[in-house]
PDB file of N, CA and C in Angstrom:
ATOM      1  N   MET A   1       1.020 -17.294  39.687  1.00  0.00           N
ATOM      2  CA  MET A   1       1.876 -16.776  38.517  1.00  0.00           C
ATOM      3  C   MET A   1       1.139 -16.061  37.547  1.00  0.00           C
ATOM      4  N   LYS A   2       1.813 -15.196  36.907  1.00  0.00           N
ATOM      5  CA  LYS A   2       1.222 -14.183  35.930  1.00  0.00           C
ATOM      6  C   LYS A   2       1.964 -14.294  34.568  1.00  0.00           C
ATOM      7  N   TRP A   3       1.169 -14.080  33.464  1.00  0.00           N
ATOM      8  CA  TRP A   3       1.794 -13.950  32.092  1.00  0.00           C
ATOM      9  C   TRP A   3       1.639 -12.497  31.790  1.00  0.00           C
ATOM     10  N   ILE A   4       2.785 -11.867  31.510  1.00  0.00           N
ATOM     11  CA  ILE A   4       2.699 -10.453  31.174  1.00  0.00           C
ATOM     12  C   ILE A   4       3.038 -10.288  29.674  1.00  0.00           C
ATOM     13  N   THR A   5       2.267  -9.588  28.992  1.00  0.00           N
ATOM     14  CA  THR A   5       2.372  -9.249  27.595  1.00  0.00           C
ATOM     15  C   THR A   5       2.525  -7.757  27.436  1.00  0.00           C
ATOM     16  N   ALA A   6       3.543  -7.346  26.868  1.00  0.00           N
ATOM     17  CA  ALA A   6       3.772  -5.782  26.747  1.00  0.00           C
ATOM     18  C   ALA A   6       3.973  -5.594  25.333  1.00  0.00           C
ATOM     19  N   ILE A   7       3.294  -4.475  24.767  1.00  0.00           N
ATOM     20  CA  ILE A   7       3.435  -4.000  23.424  1.00  0.00           C
ATOM     21  C   ILE A   7       4.160  -2.804  23.461  1.00  0.00           C
ATOM     22  N   ILE A   8       5.382  -2.730  22.956  1.00  0.00           N
ATOM     23  CA  ILE A   8       6.290  -1.486  23.141  1.00  0.00           C
ATOM     24  C   ILE A   8       6.874  -1.055  21.824  1.00  0.00           C
ATOM     25  N   LYS A   9       7.450   0.157  21.826  1.00  0.00           N
ATOM     26  CA  LYS A   9       8.158   0.715  20.657  1.00  0.00           C
ATOM     27  C   LYS A   9       9.340  -0.054  20.489  1.00  0.00           C
ATOM     28  N   PRO A  10       9.854  -0.395  19.229  1.00  0.00           N
ATOM     29  CA  PRO A  10      11.052  -1.163  19.085  1.00  0.00           C
ATOM     30  C   PRO A  10      12.297  -0.595  19.638  1.00  0.00           C
ATOM     31  N   PHE A  11      12.487   0.731  19.650  1.00  0.00           N
ATOM     32  CA  PHE A  11      13.785   1.280  20.222  1.00  0.00           C
ATOM     33  C   PHE A  11      13.882   1.275  21.692  1.00  0.00           C
ATOM     34  N   THR A  12      12.832   0.893  22.392  1.00  0.00           N
ATOM     35  CA  THR A  12      12.827   0.817  23.885  1.00  0.00           C
ATOM     36  C   THR A  12      13.219  -0.627  24.390  1.00  0.00           C
ATOM     37  N   LEU A  13      13.400  -1.583  23.496  1.00  0.00           N
ATOM     38  CA  LEU A  13      13.638  -2.973  23.844  1.00  0.00           C
ATOM     39  C   LEU A  13      14.961  -3.063  24.765  1.00  0.00           C
ATOM     40  N   ASP A  14      16.036  -2.486  24.373  1.00  0.00           N
ATOM     41  CA  ASP A  14      17.210  -2.568  25.192  1.00  0.00           C
ATOM     42  C   ASP A  14      16.988  -2.031  26.614  1.00  0.00           C
ATOM     43  N   ASP A  15      16.281  -0.863  26.781  1.00  0.00           N
ATOM     44  CA  ASP A  15      16.071  -0.297  28.064  1.00  0.00           C
ATOM     45  C   ASP A  15      15.103  -1.226  28.949  1.00  0.00           C
ATOM     46  N   VAL A  16      14.088  -1.753  28.250  1.00  0.00           N
ATOM     47  CA  VAL A  16      13.116  -2.671  28.989  1.00  0.00           C
ATOM     48  C   VAL A  16      13.789  -3.913  29.413  1.00  0.00           C
ATOM     49  N   ARG A  17      14.706  -4.573  28.543  1.00  0.00           N
ATOM     50  CA  ARG A  17      15.366  -5.762  28.981  1.00  0.00           C
ATOM     51  C   ARG A  17      16.434  -5.494  30.063  1.00  0.00           C
ATOM     52  N   GLN A  18      17.028  -4.397  30.155  1.00  0.00           N
ATOM     53  CA  GLN A  18      17.892  -4.021  31.202  1.00  0.00           C
ATOM     54  C   GLN A  18      17.172  -3.845  32.570  1.00  0.00           C
ATOM     55  N   ALA A  19      15.947  -3.085  32.383  1.00  0.00           N
ATOM     56  CA  ALA A  19      15.187  -2.736  33.516  1.00  0.00           C
ATOM     57  C   ALA A  19      14.692  -4.072  34.245  1.00  0.00           C
ATOM     58  N   LEU A  20      14.196  -4.956  33.459  1.00  0.00           N
ATOM     59  CA  LEU A  20      13.716  -6.197  33.861  1.00  0.00           C
ATOM     60  C   LEU A  20      14.910  -7.079  34.543  1.00  0.00           C
ATOM     61  N   SER A  21      16.100  -6.971  33.913  1.00  0.00           N
ATOM     62  CA  SER A  21      17.220  -7.659  34.428  1.00  0.00           C
ATOM     63  C   SER A  21      17.597  -7.198  35.818  1.00  0.00           C
ATOM     64  N   ASP A  22      17.511  -5.784  35.895  1.00  0.00           N
ATOM     65  CA  ASP A  22      17.922  -5.108  37.168  1.00  0.00           C
ATOM     66  C   ASP A  22      16.929  -5.465  38.221  1.00  0.00           C
ATOM     67  N   ALA A  23      15.646  -5.733  37.771  1.00  0.00           N
ATOM     68  CA  ALA A  23      14.639  -6.115  38.777  1.00  0.00           C
ATOM     69  C   ALA A  23      14.661  -7.491  39.217  1.00  0.00           C
ATOM     70  N   GLY A  24      15.631  -8.191  38.572  1.00  0.00           N
ATOM     71  CA  GLY A  24      15.692  -9.694  39.060  1.00  0.00           C
ATOM     72  C   GLY A  24      14.868 -10.585  38.246  1.00  0.00           C
ATOM     73  N   ILE A  25      14.293 -10.165  37.088  1.00  0.00           N
ATOM     74  CA  ILE A  25      13.500 -10.847  36.349  1.00  0.00           C
ATOM     75  C   ILE A  25      14.329 -11.475  34.972  1.00  0.00           C
ATOM     76  N   ALA A  26      14.485 -12.671  34.939  1.00  0.00           N
ATOM     77  CA  ALA A  26      15.353 -13.194  33.768  1.00  0.00           C
ATOM     78  C   ALA A  26      14.301 -13.993  32.839  1.00  0.00           C
ATOM     79  N   GLY A  27      14.545 -13.759  31.578  1.00  0.00           N
ATOM     80  CA  GLY A  27      13.774 -14.561  30.604  1.00  0.00           C
ATOM     81  C   GLY A  27      12.643 -13.803  30.017  1.00  0.00           C
ATOM     82  N   MET A  28      12.574 -13.802  28.745  1.00  0.00           N
ATOM     83  CA  MET A  28      11.493 -13.160  28.024  1.00  0.00           C
ATOM     84  C   MET A  28      11.414 -13.668  26.663  1.00  0.00           C
ATOM     85  N   THR A  29      10.347 -13.446  25.976  1.00  0.00           N
ATOM     86  CA  THR A  29      10.184 -13.795  24.546  1.00  0.00           C
ATOM     87  C   THR A  29       9.800 -12.465  23.826  1.00  0.00           C
ATOM     88  N   VAL A  30      10.482 -12.140  22.767  1.00  0.00           N
ATOM     89  CA  VAL A  30      10.159 -10.971  22.013  1.00  0.00           C
ATOM     90  C   VAL A  30       9.812 -11.349  20.563  1.00  0.00           C
ATOM     91  N   THR A  31       8.782 -10.733  20.116  1.00  0.00           N
ATOM     92  CA  THR A  31       8.314 -10.928  18.670  1.00  0.00           C
ATOM     93  C   THR A  31       8.019  -9.671  18.115  1.00  0.00           C
ATOM     94  N   GLU A  32       8.365  -9.508  16.796  1.00  0.00           N
ATOM     95  CA  GLU A  32       8.105  -8.340  16.044  1.00  0.00           C
ATOM     96  C   GLU A  32       6.625  -8.381  15.547  1.00  0.00           C
ATOM     97  N   VAL A  33       5.866  -7.389  15.917  1.00  0.00           N
ATOM     98  CA  VAL A  33       4.431  -7.364  15.416  1.00  0.00           C
ATOM     99  C   VAL A  33       4.141  -5.982  14.818  1.00  0.00           C
ATOM    100  N   LYS A  34       3.034  -5.888  14.229  1.00  0.00           N
ATOM    101  CA  LYS A  34       2.550  -4.569  13.721  1.00  0.00           C
ATOM    102  C   LYS A  34       1.138  -4.419  14.221  1.00  0.00           C
ATOM    103  N   GLY A  35       0.692  -3.105  14.474  1.00  0.00           N
ATOM    104  CA  GLY A  35      -0.577  -2.826  15.064  1.00  0.00           C
ATOM    105  C   GLY A  35      -0.835  -1.415  15.139  1.00  0.00           C
ATOM    106  N   PHE A  36      -1.961  -1.081  15.563  1.00  0.00           N
ATOM    107  CA  PHE A  36      -2.255   0.303  15.803  1.00  0.00           C
ATOM    108  C   PHE A  36      -3.272   0.529  16.900  1.00  0.00           C
ATOM    109  N   GLY A  37      -3.314   1.582  17.591  1.00  0.00           N
ATOM    110  CA  GLY A  37      -4.279   1.845  18.617  1.00  0.00           C
ATOM    111  C   GLY A  37      -4.918   3.129  18.298  1.00  0.00           C
ATOM    112  N   ARG A  38      -4.844   4.125  19.264  1.00  0.00           N
ATOM    113  CA  ARG A  38      -5.430   5.495  19.113  1.00  0.00           C
ATOM    114  C   ARG A  38      -4.749   6.214  18.059  1.00  0.00           C
ATOM    115  N   GLN A  39      -3.481   5.908  17.839  1.00  0.00           N
ATOM    116  CA  GLN A  39      -2.753   6.744  16.838  1.00  0.00           C
ATOM    117  C   GLN A  39      -3.196   6.562  15.338  1.00  0.00           C
ATOM    118  N   HIS A  40      -3.725   5.346  15.133  1.00  0.00           N
ATOM    119  CA  HIS A  40      -4.415   5.127  13.780  1.00  0.00           C
ATOM    120  C   HIS A  40      -3.346   5.243  12.596  1.00  0.00           C
ATOM    121  N   GLY A  41      -2.104   4.786  12.889  1.00  0.00           N
ATOM    122  CA  GLY A  41      -1.037   4.888  11.865  1.00  0.00           C
ATOM    123  C   GLY A  41      -0.629   6.280  11.577  1.00  0.00           C
ATOM    124  N   HIS A  42       0.067   6.511  10.507  1.00  0.00           N
ATOM    125  CA  HIS A  42       0.544   7.869  10.038  1.00  0.00           C
ATOM    126  C   HIS A  42       0.655   7.844   8.536  1.00  0.00           C
ATOM    127  N   THR A  43       0.844   8.973   7.967  1.00  0.00           N
ATOM    128  CA  THR A  43       1.081   9.377   6.514  1.00  0.00           C
ATOM    129  C   THR A  43       2.530   9.406   6.262  1.00  0.00           C
ATOM    130  N   GLU A  44       2.920   8.795   5.201  1.00  0.00           N
ATOM    131  CA  GLU A  44       4.290   8.939   4.612  1.00  0.00           C
ATOM    132  C   GLU A  44       4.297   9.318   3.202  1.00  0.00           C
ATOM    133  N   LEU A  45       5.555   9.796   2.731  1.00  0.00           N
ATOM    134  CA  LEU A  45       5.525  10.290   1.378  1.00  0.00           C
ATOM    135  C   LEU A  45       6.662   9.355   0.712  1.00  0.00           C
ATOM    136  N   TYR A  46       6.272   8.732  -0.473  1.00  0.00           N
ATOM    137  CA  TYR A  46       7.210   7.907  -1.153  1.00  0.00           C
ATOM    138  C   TYR A  46       7.163   8.297  -2.632  1.00  0.00           C
ATOM    139  N   ARG A  47       8.218   8.843  -3.173  1.00  0.00           N
ATOM    140  CA  ARG A  47       8.377   9.235  -4.648  1.00  0.00           C
ATOM    141  C   ARG A  47       7.277  10.157  -4.981  1.00  0.00           C
ATOM    142  N   GLY A  48       7.018  11.023  -4.075  1.00  0.00           N
ATOM    143  CA  GLY A  48       5.992  12.076  -4.448  1.00  0.00           C
ATOM    144  C   GLY A  48       4.538  11.696  -4.129  1.00  0.00           C
ATOM    145  N   ALA A  49       4.265  10.471  -3.752  1.00  0.00           N
ATOM    146  CA  ALA A  49       3.021   9.910  -3.503  1.00  0.00           C
ATOM    147  C   ALA A  49       2.815   9.766  -2.027  1.00  0.00           C
ATOM    148  N   GLU A  50       1.745  10.253  -1.498  1.00  0.00           N
ATOM    149  CA  GLU A  50       1.428  10.115  -0.139  1.00  0.00           C
ATOM    150  C   GLU A  50       0.647   8.884   0.112  1.00  0.00           C
ATOM    151  N   TYR A  51       0.890   8.148   1.142  1.00  0.00           N
ATOM    152  CA  TYR A  51       0.160   7.004   1.523  1.00  0.00           C
ATOM    153  C   TYR A  51       0.102   6.773   2.924  1.00  0.00           C
ATOM    154  N   VAL A  52      -0.898   5.972   3.386  1.00  0.00           N
ATOM    155  CA  VAL A  52      -1.171   5.837   4.887  1.00  0.00           C
ATOM    156  C   VAL A  52      -0.531   4.569   5.399  1.00  0.00           C
ATOM    157  N   VAL A  53       0.171   4.581   6.384  1.00  0.00           N
ATOM    158  CA  VAL A  53       0.740   3.353   6.951  1.00  0.00           C
ATOM    159  C   VAL A  53      -0.278   3.047   8.212  1.00  0.00           C
ATOM    160  N   ASP A  54      -1.025   2.017   8.035  1.00  0.00           N
ATOM    161  CA  ASP A  54      -2.012   1.734   9.108  1.00  0.00           C
ATOM    162  C   ASP A  54      -1.462   1.030  10.263  1.00  0.00           C
ATOM    163  N   PHE A  55      -0.562   0.014   9.966  1.00  0.00           N
ATOM    164  CA  PHE A  55       0.048  -0.840  11.055  1.00  0.00           C
ATOM    165  C   PHE A  55       1.441  -0.372  11.275  1.00  0.00           C
ATOM    166  N   LEU A  56       1.677   0.036  12.485  1.00  0.00           N
ATOM    167  CA  LEU A  56       2.999   0.442  12.881  1.00  0.00           C
ATOM    168  C   LEU A  56       3.879  -0.613  13.550  1.00  0.00           C
ATOM    169  N   PRO A  57       5.212  -0.749  13.279  1.00  0.00           N
ATOM    170  CA  PRO A  57       5.981  -1.686  13.887  1.00  0.00           C
ATOM    171  C   PRO A  57       6.129  -1.572  15.396  1.00  0.00           C
ATOM    172  N   LYS A  58       5.833  -2.728  16.103  1.00  0.00           N
ATOM    173  CA  LYS A  58       5.920  -2.697  17.627  1.00  0.00           C
ATOM    174  C   LYS A  58       6.616  -4.062  18.004  1.00  0.00           C
ATOM    175  N   LEU A  59       6.930  -4.123  19.149  1.00  0.00           N
ATOM    176  CA  LEU A  59       7.523  -5.502  19.674  1.00  0.00           C
ATOM    177  C   LEU A  59       6.623  -5.961  20.728  1.00  0.00           C
ATOM    178  N   LYS A  60       6.389  -7.250  20.781  1.00  0.00           N
ATOM    179  CA  LYS A  60       5.555  -7.893  21.773  1.00  0.00           C
ATOM    180  C   LYS A  60       6.510  -8.625  22.712  1.00  0.00           C
ATOM    181  N   VAL A  61       6.650  -8.244  23.979  1.00  0.00           N
ATOM    182  CA  VAL A  61       7.430  -8.825  25.031  1.00  0.00           C
ATOM    183  C   VAL A  61       6.573  -9.679  25.921  1.00  0.00           C
ATOM    184  N   GLU A  62       6.873 -10.957  25.956  1.00  0.00           N
ATOM    185  CA  GLU A  62       6.033 -11.805  26.913  1.00  0.00           C
ATOM    186  C   GLU A  62       6.993 -12.433  27.953  1.00  0.00           C
ATOM    187  N   LEU A  63       6.533 -12.512  29.164  1.00  0.00           N
ATOM    188  CA  LEU A  63       7.288 -13.187  30.181  1.00  0.00           C
ATOM    189  C   LEU A  63       6.392 -13.680  31.284  1.00  0.00           C
ATOM    190  N   ALA A  64       6.751 -14.804  31.976  1.00  0.00           N
ATOM    191  CA  ALA A  64       6.059 -15.381  32.997  1.00  0.00           C
ATOM    192  C   ALA A  64       6.746 -14.954  34.282  1.00  0.00           C
ATOM    193  N   VAL A  65       6.054 -14.488  35.340  1.00  0.00           N
ATOM    194  CA  VAL A  65       6.652 -14.082  36.596  1.00  0.00           C
ATOM    195  C   VAL A  65       5.818 -14.637  37.810  1.00  0.00           C
ATOM    196  N   SER A  66       6.402 -14.646  38.845  1.00  0.00           N
ATOM    197  CA  SER A  66       5.704 -15.205  40.106  1.00  0.00           C
ATOM    198  C   SER A  66       4.840 -14.036  40.502  1.00  0.00           C
ATOM    199  N   ASP A  67       3.779 -14.291  41.339  1.00  0.00           N
ATOM    200  CA  ASP A  67       2.919 -13.230  41.754  1.00  0.00           C
ATOM    201  C   ASP A  67       3.619 -12.133  42.538  1.00  0.00           C
ATOM    202  N   GLU A  68       4.741 -12.497  43.180  1.00  0.00           N
ATOM    203  CA  GLU A  68       5.448 -11.538  43.966  1.00  0.00           C
ATOM    204  C   GLU A  68       6.247 -10.461  43.034  1.00  0.00           C
ATOM    205  N   GLN A  69       6.551 -10.998  41.847  1.00  0.00           N
ATOM    206  CA  GLN A  69       7.345 -10.186  40.900  1.00  0.00           C
ATOM    207  C   GLN A  69       6.554  -9.271  39.873  1.00  0.00           C
ATOM    208  N   VAL A  70       5.147  -9.420  39.968  1.00  0.00           N
ATOM    209  CA  VAL A  70       4.343  -8.740  39.040  1.00  0.00           C
ATOM    210  C   VAL A  70       4.563  -7.242  39.052  1.00  0.00           C
ATOM    211  N   ASP A  71       4.464  -6.645  40.158  1.00  0.00           N
ATOM    212  CA  ASP A  71       4.544  -5.245  40.425  1.00  0.00           C
ATOM    213  C   ASP A  71       5.993  -4.662  39.968  1.00  0.00           C
ATOM    214  N   LEU A  72       6.977  -5.440  40.234  1.00  0.00           N
ATOM    215  CA  LEU A  72       8.331  -5.057  39.887  1.00  0.00           C
ATOM    216  C   LEU A  72       8.514  -5.107  38.381  1.00  0.00           C
ATOM    217  N   ALA A  73       7.885  -6.041  37.741  1.00  0.00           N
ATOM    218  CA  ALA A  73       7.911  -6.145  36.262  1.00  0.00           C
ATOM    219  C   ALA A  73       7.167  -5.001  35.606  1.00  0.00           C
ATOM    220  N   ILE A  74       6.012  -4.815  36.154  1.00  0.00           N
ATOM    221  CA  ILE A  74       5.180  -3.652  35.524  1.00  0.00           C
ATOM    222  C   ILE A  74       5.910  -2.283  35.644  1.00  0.00           C
ATOM    223  N   GLU A  75       6.598  -2.073  36.857  1.00  0.00           N
ATOM    224  CA  GLU A  75       7.201  -0.856  37.049  1.00  0.00           C
ATOM    225  C   GLU A  75       8.471  -0.801  36.154  1.00  0.00           C
ATOM    226  N   ALA A  76       9.131  -1.834  35.927  1.00  0.00           N
ATOM    227  CA  ALA A  76      10.408  -1.898  35.132  1.00  0.00           C
ATOM    228  C   ALA A  76       9.953  -1.575  33.660  1.00  0.00           C
ATOM    229  N   ILE A  77       8.918  -2.269  33.181  1.00  0.00           N
ATOM    230  CA  ILE A  77       8.558  -1.969  31.828  1.00  0.00           C
ATOM    231  C   ILE A  77       8.109  -0.609  31.495  1.00  0.00           C
ATOM    232  N   THR A  78       7.156  -0.136  32.423  1.00  0.00           N
ATOM    233  CA  THR A  78       6.545   1.155  32.294  1.00  0.00           C
ATOM    234  C   THR A  78       7.606   2.267  32.343  1.00  0.00           C
ATOM    235  N   ASN A  79       8.551   2.210  33.198  1.00  0.00           N
ATOM    236  CA  ASN A  79       9.561   3.145  33.382  1.00  0.00           C
ATOM    237  C   ASN A  79      10.473   3.256  32.190  1.00  0.00           C
ATOM    238  N   ALA A  80      10.788   2.049  31.658  1.00  0.00           N
ATOM    239  CA  ALA A  80      11.818   1.898  30.621  1.00  0.00           C
ATOM    240  C   ALA A  80      11.138   2.291  29.310  1.00  0.00           C
ATOM    241  N   ALA A  81       9.944   1.845  28.990  1.00  0.00           N
ATOM    242  CA  ALA A  81       9.244   2.083  27.692  1.00  0.00           C
ATOM    243  C   ALA A  81       8.527   3.416  27.497  1.00  0.00           C
ATOM    244  N   ARG A  82       8.342   4.087  28.602  1.00  0.00           N
ATOM    245  CA  ARG A  82       7.564   5.377  28.522  1.00  0.00           C
ATOM    246  C   ARG A  82       8.411   6.571  27.877  1.00  0.00           C
ATOM    247  N   THR A  83       7.889   7.057  26.791  1.00  0.00           N
ATOM    248  CA  THR A  83       8.558   8.217  26.166  1.00  0.00           C
ATOM    249  C   THR A  83       7.640   9.517  26.414  1.00  0.00           C
ATOM    250  N   GLY A  84       6.441   9.251  26.821  1.00  0.00           N
ATOM    251  CA  GLY A  84       5.495  10.288  26.985  1.00  0.00           C
ATOM    252  C   GLY A  84       4.753  10.778  25.676  1.00  0.00           C
ATOM    253  N   LYS A  85       4.996  10.017  24.690  1.00  0.00           N
ATOM    254  CA  LYS A  85       4.390  10.251  23.315  1.00  0.00           C
ATOM    255  C   LYS A  85       3.306   9.224  23.076  1.00  0.00           C
ATOM    256  N   ILE A  86       2.366   9.521  22.190  1.00  0.00           N
ATOM    257  CA  ILE A  86       1.437   8.541  21.759  1.00  0.00           C
ATOM    258  C   ILE A  86       1.982   7.334  21.223  1.00  0.00           C
ATOM    259  N   GLY A  87       1.466   6.110  21.505  1.00  0.00           N
ATOM    260  CA  GLY A  87       1.950   4.952  20.934  1.00  0.00           C
ATOM    261  C   GLY A  87       3.034   4.239  21.820  1.00  0.00           C
ATOM    262  N   ASP A  88       3.163   4.651  23.027  1.00  0.00           N
ATOM    263  CA  ASP A  88       4.232   4.033  24.024  1.00  0.00           C
ATOM    264  C   ASP A  88       3.895   2.521  24.057  1.00  0.00           C
ATOM    265  N   GLY A  89       2.659   2.157  24.209  1.00  0.00           N
ATOM    266  CA  GLY A  89       2.348   0.737  24.212  1.00  0.00           C
ATOM    267  C   GLY A  89       1.293   0.392  25.304  1.00  0.00           C
ATOM    268  N   LYS A  90       1.180  -0.847  25.607  1.00  0.00           N
ATOM    269  CA  LYS A  90       0.275  -1.403  26.586  1.00  0.00           C
ATOM    270  C   LYS A  90       0.905  -2.612  27.277  1.00  0.00           C
ATOM    271  N   ILE A  91       0.389  -2.831  28.500  1.00  0.00           N
ATOM    272  CA  ILE A  91       0.716  -4.068  29.242  1.00  0.00           C
ATOM    273  C   ILE A  91      -0.492  -4.869  29.534  1.00  0.00           C
ATOM    274  N   PHE A  92      -0.467  -6.205  29.264  1.00  0.00           N
ATOM    275  CA  PHE A  92      -1.627  -7.027  29.711  1.00  0.00           C
ATOM    276  C   PHE A  92      -1.060  -8.059  30.586  1.00  0.00           C
ATOM    277  N   ILE A  93      -1.908  -8.314  31.714  1.00  0.00           N
ATOM    278  CA  ILE A  93      -1.509  -9.348  32.660  1.00  0.00           C
ATOM    279  C   ILE A  93      -2.606 -10.301  32.712  1.00  0.00           C
ATOM    280  N   SER A  94      -2.235 -11.651  32.616  1.00  0.00           N
ATOM    281  CA  SER A  94      -3.225 -12.734  32.682  1.00  0.00           C
ATOM    282  C   SER A  94      -2.681 -13.700  33.767  1.00  0.00           C
ATOM    283  N   ASP A  95      -3.559 -14.509  34.303  1.00  0.00           N
ATOM    284  CA  ASP A  95      -3.289 -15.550  35.188  1.00  0.00           C
ATOM    285  C   ASP A  95      -2.521 -16.673  34.407  1.00  0.00           C
ATOM    286  N   LEU A  96      -1.567 -17.254  35.016  1.00  0.00           N
ATOM    287  CA  LEU A  96      -0.844 -18.393  34.371  1.00  0.00           C
ATOM    288  C   LEU A  96      -1.161 -19.702  35.154  1.00  0.00           C
ATOM    289  N   ALA A  97      -1.777 -20.582  34.667  1.00  0.00           N
ATOM    290  CA  ALA A  97      -2.273 -21.658  35.350  1.00  0.00           C
ATOM    291  C   ALA A  97      -1.155 -22.680  35.750  1.00  0.00           C
ATOM    292  N   GLN A  98      -0.234 -22.837  34.865  1.00  0.00           N
ATOM    293  CA  GLN A  98       0.843 -23.801  35.168  1.00  0.00           C
ATOM    294  C   GLN A  98       2.028 -23.522  34.149  1.00  0.00           C
ATOM    295  N   ALA A  99       3.226 -23.926  34.756  1.00  0.00           N
ATOM    296  CA  ALA A  99       4.452 -23.722  33.958  1.00  0.00           C
ATOM    297  C   ALA A  99       5.278 -25.026  34.197  1.00  0.00           C
ATOM    298  N   ILE A 100       5.957 -25.482  33.114  1.00  0.00           N
ATOM    299  CA  ILE A 100       6.740 -26.680  33.339  1.00  0.00           C
ATOM    300  C   ILE A 100       8.011 -26.458  32.529  1.00  0.00           C
ATOM    301  N   ARG A 101       9.191 -26.691  33.212  1.00  0.00           N
ATOM    302  CA  ARG A 101      10.429 -26.561  32.556  1.00  0.00           C
ATOM    303  C   ARG A 101      10.679 -27.986  31.940  1.00  0.00           C
ATOM    304  N   ILE A 102      10.847 -28.044  30.628  1.00  0.00           N
ATOM    305  CA  ILE A 102      10.911 -29.320  29.899  1.00  0.00           C
ATOM    306  C   ILE A 102      12.136 -30.131  30.366  1.00  0.00           C
ATOM    307  N   ARG A 103      13.307 -29.471  30.474  1.00  0.00           N
ATOM    308  CA  ARG A 103      14.546 -30.239  30.746  1.00  0.00           C
ATOM    309  C   ARG A 103      14.489 -30.910  32.066  1.00  0.00           C
ATOM    310  N   THR A 104      14.078 -30.292  33.132  1.00  0.00           N
ATOM    311  CA  THR A 104      14.093 -30.837  34.538  1.00  0.00           C
ATOM    312  C   THR A 104      12.732 -31.194  35.147  1.00  0.00           C
ATOM    313  N   MET A 105      11.643 -30.935  34.356  1.00  0.00           N
ATOM    314  CA  MET A 105      10.230 -31.225  34.755  1.00  0.00           C
ATOM    315  C   MET A 105       9.904 -30.498  36.036  1.00  0.00           C
ATOM    316  N   GLU A 106      10.583 -29.440  36.467  1.00  0.00           N
ATOM    317  CA  GLU A 106      10.137 -28.551  37.459  1.00  0.00           C
ATOM    318  C   GLU A 106       8.851 -27.892  37.022  1.00  0.00           C
ATOM    319  N   VAL A 107       8.033 -27.656  38.001  1.00  0.00           N
ATOM    320  CA  VAL A 107       6.646 -27.035  37.731  1.00  0.00           C
ATOM    321  C   VAL A 107       6.543 -25.674  38.476  1.00  0.00           C
ATOM    322  N   ASP A 108       5.622 -24.953  37.888  1.00  0.00           N
ATOM    323  CA  ASP A 108       5.142 -23.620  38.370  1.00  0.00           C
ATOM    324  C   ASP A 108       6.351 -22.658  38.775  1.00  0.00           C
ATOM    325  N   SER A 109       6.321 -22.203  39.930  1.00  0.00           N
ATOM    326  CA  SER A 109       7.306 -21.107  40.167  1.00  0.00           C
ATOM    327  C   SER A 109       8.764 -21.561  40.095  1.00  0.00           C
ATOM    328  N   ASP A 110       8.928 -22.882  40.444  1.00  0.00           N
ATOM    329  CA  ASP A 110      10.327 -23.450  40.186  1.00  0.00           C
ATOM    330  C   ASP A 110      10.798 -23.537  38.757  1.00  0.00           C
ATOM    331  N   ALA A 111       9.757 -23.591  37.889  1.00  0.00           N
ATOM    332  CA  ALA A 111      10.074 -23.582  36.338  1.00  0.00           C
ATOM    333  C   ALA A 111      10.453 -22.170  35.849  1.00  0.00           C
ATOM    334  N   LEU A 112      10.030 -21.150  36.531  1.00  0.00           N
ATOM    335  CA  LEU A 112      10.294 -19.822  36.064  1.00  0.00           C
ATOM    336  C   LEU A 112      11.679 -19.471  36.209  1.00  0.00           C
TER     337      LEU A 112
END
């Protein structure tokens, strides 16, 4: 099992959710986050004063998938979230040691 964490632009969420659903992957957690990478924020103008916005709004999408679903999930996220512009985001994949569904006590892949 793998734990996938994707940092994406907020306006791509609906497309990412739909792409994952179409790939047969159900369930995710989405958190509003702020951060920056190579783009280092941007400059904005407010009431005539220029200021730097260092941290840009992003969404963190987290999901647990079986080993067989990893490539499908990565393809779905990248195809749906890619705009071709800087700041499209990143995907991180980690090993998931164990998963337990609290209601039924199912474990590992059965719990996903």
